[in-house]
C-alpha atoms as a PDB file:
ATOM      1  CA  UNK A   1     111.715 102.828 119.134  1.00  0.00           C
ATOM      2  CA  UNK A   2     109.275 103.039 116.763  1.00  0.00           C
ATOM      3  CA  UNK A   3     106.340 100.423 117.371  1.00  0.00           C
ATOM      4  CA  UNK A   4     105.243  98.416 113.989  1.00  0.00           C
ATOM      5  CA  UNK A   5     101.528  97.347 113.841  1.00  0.00           C
ATOM      6  CA  UNK A   6     101.387  93.493 113.286  1.00  0.00           C
ATOM      7  CA  UNK A   7      98.819  93.804 110.798  1.00  0.00           C
ATOM      8  CA  UNK A   8     100.998  96.318 108.613  1.00  0.00           C
ATOM      9  CA  UNK A   9     102.480  94.558 105.712  1.00  0.00           C
ATOM     10  CA  UNK A  10     105.203  96.204 104.259  1.00  0.00           C
ATOM     11  CA  UNK A  11     106.668  95.888 100.514  1.00  0.00           C
ATOM     12  CA  UNK A  12     109.408  93.269 101.023  1.00  0.00           C
ATOM     13  CA  UNK A  13     110.972  93.806  97.426  1.00  0.00           C
ATOM     14  CA  UNK A  14     111.053  96.494  94.701  1.00  0.00           C
ATOM     15  CA  UNK A  15     110.202  96.207  91.176  1.00  0.00           C
ATOM     16  CA  UNK A  16     111.825  99.034  89.191  1.00  0.00           C
ATOM     17  CA  UNK A  17     109.782 100.728  86.269  1.00  0.00           C
ATOM     18  CA  UNK A  18     111.966  98.854  83.804  1.00  0.00           C
ATOM     19  CA  UNK A  19     111.338  95.520  85.498  1.00  0.00           C
ATOM     20  CA  UNK A  20     107.455  96.249  85.610  1.00  0.00           C
ATOM     21  CA  UNK A  21     107.333  97.446  81.959  1.00  0.00           C
ATOM     22  CA  UNK A  22     109.241  94.257  80.928  1.00  0.00           C
ATOM     23  CA  UNK A  23     106.719  91.988  83.363  1.00  0.00           C
ATOM     24  CA  UNK A  24     103.882  93.727  81.520  1.00  0.00           C
ATOM     25  CA  UNK A  25     105.395  92.904  78.127  1.00  0.00           C
ATOM     26  CA  UNK A  26     106.025  89.196  78.838  1.00  0.00           C
ATOM     27  CA  UNK A  27     102.876  88.484  80.358  1.00  0.00           C
ATOM     28  CA  UNK A  28     100.643  89.901  77.396  1.00  0.00           C
ATOM     29  CA  UNK A  29     103.085  88.212  74.761  1.00  0.00           C
ATOM     30  CA  UNK A  30     102.651  84.816  76.573  1.00  0.00           C
ATOM     31  CA  UNK A  31      98.907  85.456  77.314  1.00  0.00           C
ATOM     32  CA  UNK A  32      99.533  84.800  81.146  1.00  0.00           C
ATOM     33  CA  UNK A  33      96.242  84.209  82.687  1.00  0.00           C
ATOM     34  CA  UNK A  34      95.024  87.247  85.254  1.00  0.00           C
ATOM     35  CA  UNK A  35      94.860  84.616  88.165  1.00  0.00           C
ATOM     36  CA  UNK A  36      98.594  84.555  87.955  1.00  0.00           C
ATOM     37  CA  UNK A  37     100.979  86.841  89.419  1.00  0.00           C
ATOM     38  CA  UNK A  38     104.680  87.189  89.698  1.00  0.00           C
ATOM     39  CA  UNK A  39     106.568  84.562  91.700  1.00  0.00           C
ATOM     40  CA  UNK A  40     109.773  85.977  93.421  1.00  0.00           C
ATOM     41  CA  UNK A  41     112.075  83.201  95.135  1.00  0.00           C
ATOM     42  CA  UNK A  42     115.305  81.710  95.649  1.00  0.00           C
ATOM     43  CA  UNK A  43     116.370  77.804  95.050  1.00  0.00           C
ATOM     44  CA  UNK A  44     119.595  75.691  95.887  1.00  0.00           C
ATOM     45  CA  UNK A  45     121.969  75.783  92.990  1.00  0.00           C
ATOM     46  CA  UNK A  46     124.065  78.211  91.080  1.00  0.00           C
ATOM     47  CA  UNK A  47     127.796  79.061  91.440  1.00  0.00           C
ATOM     48  CA  UNK A  48     127.453  80.701  94.729  1.00  0.00           C
ATOM     49  CA  UNK A  49     124.825  78.534  96.507  1.00  0.00           C
ATOM     50  CA  UNK A  50     121.477  80.123  95.608  1.00  0.00           C
ATOM     51  CA  UNK A  51     119.726  81.153  92.538  1.00  0.00           C
ATOM     52  CA  UNK A  52     116.715  83.577  92.071  1.00  0.00           C
ATOM     53  CA  UNK A  53     113.386  82.324  90.974  1.00  0.00           C
ATOM     54  CA  UNK A  54     111.294  84.866  88.998  1.00  0.00           C
ATOM     55  CA  UNK A  55     108.416  83.760  86.661  1.00  0.00           C
ATOM     56  CA  UNK A  56     104.607  83.785  86.569  1.00  0.00           C
ATOM     57  CA  UNK A  57     102.670  81.363  88.921  1.00  0.00           C
ATOM     58  CA  UNK A  58      99.369  80.783  90.900  1.00  0.00           C
ATOM     59  CA  UNK A  59      99.555  81.236  94.714  1.00  0.00           C
ATOM     60  CA  UNK A  60     100.193  78.715  96.803  1.00  0.00           C
ATOM     61  CA  UNK A  61      99.820  77.614 100.510  1.00  0.00           C
ATOM     62  CA  UNK A  62     102.982  78.750 101.866  1.00  0.00           C
ATOM     63  CA  UNK A  63     103.226  81.908 100.106  1.00  0.00           C
ATOM     64  CA  UNK A  64     102.619  85.640 101.154  1.00  0.00           C
ATOM     65  CA  UNK A  65     101.068  88.113  98.695  1.00  0.00           C
ATOM     66  CA  UNK A  66     101.825  91.553  97.847  1.00  0.00           C
ATOM     67  CA  UNK A  67     100.927  94.045  95.483  1.00  0.00           C
ATOM     68  CA  UNK A  68     103.674  95.694  94.016  1.00  0.00           C
ATOM     69  CA  UNK A  69     103.640  97.740  90.733  1.00  0.00           C
ATOM     70  CA  UNK A  70     100.199  96.655  89.708  1.00  0.00           C
ATOM     71  CA  UNK A  71     101.308  92.796  89.915  1.00  0.00           C
ATOM     72  CA  UNK A  72     100.103  90.295  92.601  1.00  0.00           C
ATOM     73  CA  UNK A  73     103.646  89.242  94.024  1.00  0.00           C
ATOM     74  CA  UNK A  74     104.096  85.701  95.620  1.00  0.00           C
ATOM     75  CA  UNK A  75     106.647  84.706  97.589  1.00  0.00           C
ATOM     76  CA  UNK A  76     107.310  81.806 100.146  1.00  0.00           C
ATOM     77  CA  UNK A  77     107.583  82.985 103.845  1.00  0.00           C
ATOM     78  CA  UNK A  78     110.633  80.968 104.308  1.00  0.00           C
ATOM     79  CA  UNK A  79     112.225  83.086 101.307  1.00  0.00           C
ATOM     80  CA  UNK A  80     112.061  86.423 102.829  1.00  0.00           C
ATOM     81  CA  UNK A  81     115.125  86.166 104.923  1.00  0.00           C
ATOM     82  CA  UNK A  82     117.114  86.043 101.557  1.00  0.00           C
ATOM     83  CA  UNK A  83     114.832  88.518  99.625  1.00  0.00           C
ATOM     84  CA  UNK A  84     113.882  91.146 101.920  1.00  0.00           C
ATOM     85  CA  UNK A  85     115.215  94.426 100.538  1.00  0.00           C
ATOM     86  CA  UNK A  86     115.921  92.839  96.996  1.00  0.00           C
ATOM     87  CA  UNK A  87     115.663  95.246  94.095  1.00  0.00           C
ATOM     88  CA  UNK A  88     114.558  93.387  90.554  1.00  0.00           C
ATOM     89  CA  UNK A  89     115.427  95.651  87.434  1.00  0.00           C
ATOM     90  CA  UNK A  90     115.317  95.068  83.762  1.00  0.00           C
ATOM     91  CA  UNK A  91     118.601  96.218  82.010  1.00  0.00           C
ATOM     92  CA  UNK A  92     119.133  96.513  78.182  1.00  0.00           C
ATOM     93  CA  UNK A  93     122.410  97.337  76.946  1.00  0.00           C
ATOM     94  CA  UNK A  94     125.209  96.228  74.942  1.00  0.00           C
ATOM     95  CA  UNK A  95     126.832  93.651  77.234  1.00  0.00           C
ATOM     96  CA  UNK A  96     123.907  92.620  79.262  1.00  0.00           C
ATOM     97  CA  UNK A  97     120.027  92.462  78.800  1.00  0.00           C
ATOM     98  CA  UNK A  98     117.649  90.672  81.494  1.00  0.00           C
ATOM     99  CA  UNK A  99     116.461  91.019  84.729  1.00  0.00           C
ATOM    100  CA  UNK A 100     119.102  92.065  87.538  1.00  0.00           C
ATOM    101  CA  UNK A 101     118.850  91.392  91.280  1.00  0.00           C
ATOM    102  CA  UNK A 102     120.335  94.019  93.726  1.00  0.00           C
ATOM    103  CA  UNK A 103     120.375  92.044  97.018  1.00  0.00           C
ATOM    104  CA  UNK A 104     121.348  93.715 100.218  1.00  0.00           C
ATOM    105  CA  UNK A 105     121.520  90.174 101.941  1.00  0.00           C
ATOM    106  CA  UNK A 106     123.998  88.675  99.534  1.00  0.00           C
ATOM    107  CA  UNK A 107     127.206  87.975 101.143  1.00  0.00           C
ATOM    108  CA  UNK A 108     128.593  87.059  97.706  1.00  0.00           C
ATOM    109  CA  UNK A 109     127.470  87.000  94.132  1.00  0.00           C
ATOM    110  CA  UNK A 110     128.563  85.354  90.921  1.00  0.00           C
ATOM    111  CA  UNK A 111     129.886  86.994  87.816  1.00  0.00           C
ATOM    112  CA  UNK A 112     126.258  86.247  85.887  1.00  0.00           C
ATOM    113  CA  UNK A 113     124.505  88.097  88.853  1.00  0.00           C
ATOM    114  CA  UNK A 114     121.956  85.178  88.995  1.00  0.00           C
ATOM    115  CA  UNK A 115     123.307  83.421  92.006  1.00  0.00           C
ATOM    116  CA  UNK A 116     124.436  84.361  95.529  1.00  0.00           C
ATOM    117  CA  UNK A 117     125.445  83.291  98.959  1.00  0.00           C
ATOM    118  CA  UNK A 118     123.688  84.539 102.206  1.00  0.00           C
END
């Protein structure tokens, strides 16, 4: 078994190139201050039990901070159990346009893809 150093922080989520490009566009368009980062989280609700949170915010006391794709990414420590390994993408097609969440921890998802159960 490989030993993992305690001070080693791995990237808990993945932002695809499409997601990074769209986040940069939104940040510029909405003139988001450099002190803000991307908040990724979950909240209760949605048709499957939990909904994803994605937006710009400042770091809070309960947050872990990561650098992913050139962005500061903030995630509450308690949310990691639901989000570890998630891939966030941006899709733009005829039937769907927006951020998508590919979550390996989700036991069930809804048709809209923005809520899940764990």
